[in-house]
């Protein structure tokens, strides 16, 4: 009879373990959905801030073209322009300037990632990435980072021209 009781207890432990595993998998699925929701919410907020900043830059420096970015690289915006350089005694040449900022797609690392690339007159001036864990996002630091990178580009561009 002792074996029968031990067998019943072993079966009950197995069922409890199975139930616990099923609950953990359900919680994991919920947390993944929650991470996707958080990423989407923050992506929208910060990509709109990027667009506002870059539109203002394009307005202040005539000749820049604004474009919205929505592709496999992420969501954001870019401004760019091509200039014709006429400096005697050299032959005419062109100079390309561009600032691009995007919020990258959700990765397995559960982070919100902001990426920026800046080129002024054919020279890359910065290529940066800023990220924070989705569970620990500080919206103020992200908006300040977007502002700072935009202002730095404006200052460097104004100094070159």
Protein backbone atom coordinates (compact mmCIF):
# COMPACT_ATOMS: atom_id res chain seq x y z
CA UNK A 1 0.00 0.00 0.00
CA UNK A 2 2.89 2.34 0.69
CA UNK A 3 3.95 2.15 -2.96
CA UNK A 4 0.42 3.08 -4.06
CA UNK A 5 0.50 6.28 -1.95
CA UNK A 6 3.95 7.19 -3.23
CA UNK A 7 2.77 6.56 -6.79
CA UNK A 8 -0.26 8.85 -6.29
CA UNK A 9 1.96 11.58 -4.83
CA UNK A 10 4.43 11.25 -7.71
CA UNK A 11 1.59 11.60 -10.22
CA UNK A 12 0.25 14.66 -8.38
CA UNK A 13 3.73 16.26 -8.34
CA UNK A 14 4.04 15.63 -12.06
CA UNK A 15 0.65 17.21 -12.73
CA UNK A 16 1.54 20.24 -10.57
CA UNK A 17 4.84 20.60 -12.45
CA UNK A 18 2.98 20.41 -15.76
CA UNK A 19 0.48 23.03 -14.60
CA UNK A 20 3.30 25.29 -13.38
CA UNK A 21 5.11 24.93 -16.71
CA UNK A 22 1.92 25.79 -18.61
CA UNK A 23 1.38 28.87 -16.42
CA UNK A 24 5.01 29.96 -16.95
CA UNK A 25 4.65 29.59 -20.73
CA UNK A 26 1.42 31.61 -20.66
CA UNK A 27 3.13 34.33 -18.58
CA UNK A 28 6.07 34.33 -20.99
CA UNK A 29 3.71 34.78 -23.95
CA UNK A 30 2.00 37.63 -22.15
CA UNK A 31 5.30 39.27 -21.35
CA UNK A 32 6.37 39.00 -25.00
CA UNK A 33 3.12 40.63 -26.05
CA UNK A 34 3.64 43.28 -23.39
CA UNK A 35 7.17 43.92 -24.72
CA UNK A 36 5.82 44.25 -28.24
CA UNK A 37 3.15 46.67 -27.02
CA UNK A 38 5.71 48.75 -25.11
CA UNK A 39 8.06 48.82 -28.08
CA UNK A 40 5.26 49.91 -30.41
CA UNK A 41 4.13 52.64 -28.03
CA UNK A 42 7.63 54.06 -27.52
CA UNK A 43 8.56 53.63 -31.17
CA UNK A 44 5.61 55.76 -32.20
CA UNK A 45 6.33 58.45 -29.61
CA UNK A 46 10.04 58.77 -30.40
CA UNK A 47 9.78 58.42 -34.18
CA UNK A 48 7.31 61.32 -34.16
CA UNK A 49 9.77 63.37 -32.09
CA UNK A 50 12.53 62.54 -34.59
CA UNK A 51 10.28 63.72 -37.44
CA UNK A 52 9.49 67.01 -35.67
CA UNK A 53 13.16 67.74 -34.98
CA UNK A 54 14.35 66.91 -38.49
CA UNK A 55 11.53 68.89 -40.11
CA UNK A 56 12.62 71.92 -38.09
CA UNK A 57 16.23 71.39 -39.20
CA UNK A 58 15.16 71.16 -42.83
CA UNK A 59 13.18 74.39 -42.44
CA UNK A 60 16.19 76.23 -41.00
CA UNK A 61 18.62 75.05 -43.69
CA UNK A 62 17.01 75.58 -47.12
CA UNK A 63 17.76 72.87 -49.64
CA UNK A 64 17.39 69.88 -47.31
CA UNK A 65 14.88 67.27 -48.38
CA UNK A 66 12.88 65.55 -45.64
CA UNK A 67 11.92 61.90 -45.84
CA UNK A 68 10.08 59.59 -43.50
CA UNK A 69 11.73 56.21 -42.95
CA UNK A 70 9.60 53.11 -42.48
CA UNK A 71 11.46 50.01 -43.54
CA UNK A 72 13.49 47.06 -42.25
CA UNK A 73 16.00 49.46 -40.65
CA UNK A 74 13.30 50.95 -38.44
CA UNK A 75 11.02 53.97 -38.11
CA UNK A 76 12.18 57.56 -38.17
CA UNK A 77 13.22 60.27 -40.57
CA UNK A 78 16.11 61.70 -42.56
CA UNK A 79 17.10 64.99 -44.14
CA UNK A 80 19.58 65.26 -46.98
CA UNK A 81 20.92 67.62 -49.59
CA UNK A 82 23.39 67.69 -52.46
CA UNK A 83 25.49 70.81 -52.98
CA UNK A 84 27.49 71.88 -56.00
CA UNK A 85 30.92 73.10 -54.93
CA UNK A 86 32.51 75.69 -57.20
CA UNK A 87 35.95 76.42 -55.80
CA UNK A 88 38.53 77.66 -58.26
CA UNK A 89 41.00 76.43 -59.38
CA UNK A 90 39.55 72.94 -58.82
CA UNK A 91 36.84 71.47 -60.97
CA UNK A 92 33.24 71.63 -59.76
CA UNK A 93 32.28 68.82 -57.40
CA UNK A 94 29.31 67.76 -55.31
CA UNK A 95 28.96 67.48 -51.55
CA UNK A 96 26.39 65.28 -49.86
CA UNK A 97 24.97 65.99 -46.38
CA UNK A 98 22.51 63.79 -44.49
CA UNK A 99 21.15 63.16 -41.00
CA UNK A 100 19.15 60.00 -40.38
CA UNK A 101 17.60 58.85 -37.10
CA UNK A 102 15.58 55.67 -36.68
CA UNK A 103 14.07 53.57 -33.93
CA UNK A 104 15.13 50.00 -34.69
CA UNK A 105 12.67 47.07 -34.73
CA UNK A 106 12.19 44.98 -31.60
CA UNK A 107 15.03 42.53 -31.10
CA UNK A 108 15.50 39.47 -28.93
CA UNK A 109 17.26 41.68 -26.37
CA UNK A 110 14.04 43.58 -25.50
CA UNK A 111 15.59 47.03 -25.89
CA UNK A 112 14.47 50.23 -27.52
CA UNK A 113 17.28 51.31 -29.83
CA UNK A 114 17.80 54.73 -31.41
CA UNK A 115 20.32 54.89 -34.23
CA UNK A 116 21.69 58.03 -35.91
CA UNK A 117 24.07 58.64 -38.81
CA UNK A 118 25.29 62.06 -39.88
CA UNK A 119 27.30 63.07 -42.92
CA UNK A 120 28.33 66.62 -43.78
CA UNK A 121 29.91 67.40 -47.15
CA UNK A 122 30.79 63.77 -47.87
CA UNK A 123 32.36 63.18 -44.43
CA UNK A 124 30.72 61.05 -41.77
CA UNK A 125 30.61 63.11 -38.59
CA UNK A 126 28.92 60.57 -36.33
CA UNK A 127 27.33 57.14 -36.30
CA UNK A 128 25.71 56.46 -32.94
CA UNK A 129 23.35 54.15 -31.13
CA UNK A 130 21.50 54.69 -27.87
CA UNK A 131 19.41 51.99 -26.25
CA UNK A 132 17.56 51.18 -23.05
CA UNK A 133 15.77 48.07 -21.84
CA UNK A 134 12.06 48.27 -22.62
CA UNK A 135 11.13 47.65 -18.99
CA UNK A 136 13.30 50.60 -17.89
CA UNK A 137 12.63 53.26 -20.55
CA UNK A 138 13.29 56.85 -19.52
CA UNK A 139 11.38 58.94 -22.11
CA UNK A 140 13.16 62.14 -21.08
CA UNK A 141 16.62 60.76 -21.85
CA UNK A 142 15.46 59.51 -25.27
CA UNK A 143 13.94 62.84 -26.30
CA UNK A 144 17.02 64.67 -25.00
CA UNK A 145 19.26 62.35 -27.03
CA UNK A 146 17.24 63.05 -30.18
CA UNK A 147 17.39 66.79 -29.48
CA UNK A 148 21.14 66.74 -28.73
CA UNK A 149 22.04 64.78 -31.87
CA UNK A 150 19.88 67.11 -33.99
CA UNK A 151 21.46 70.21 -32.45
CA UNK A 152 24.96 68.79 -32.86
CA UNK A 153 24.30 68.16 -36.54
CA UNK A 154 22.94 71.70 -36.97
CA UNK A 155 26.00 73.20 -35.29
CA UNK A 156 28.45 71.13 -37.33
CA UNK A 157 26.60 71.84 -40.57
CA UNK A 158 26.47 75.58 -39.88
CA UNK A 159 30.20 75.59 -39.10
CA UNK A 160 31.03 73.93 -42.43
CA UNK A 161 29.04 76.43 -44.51
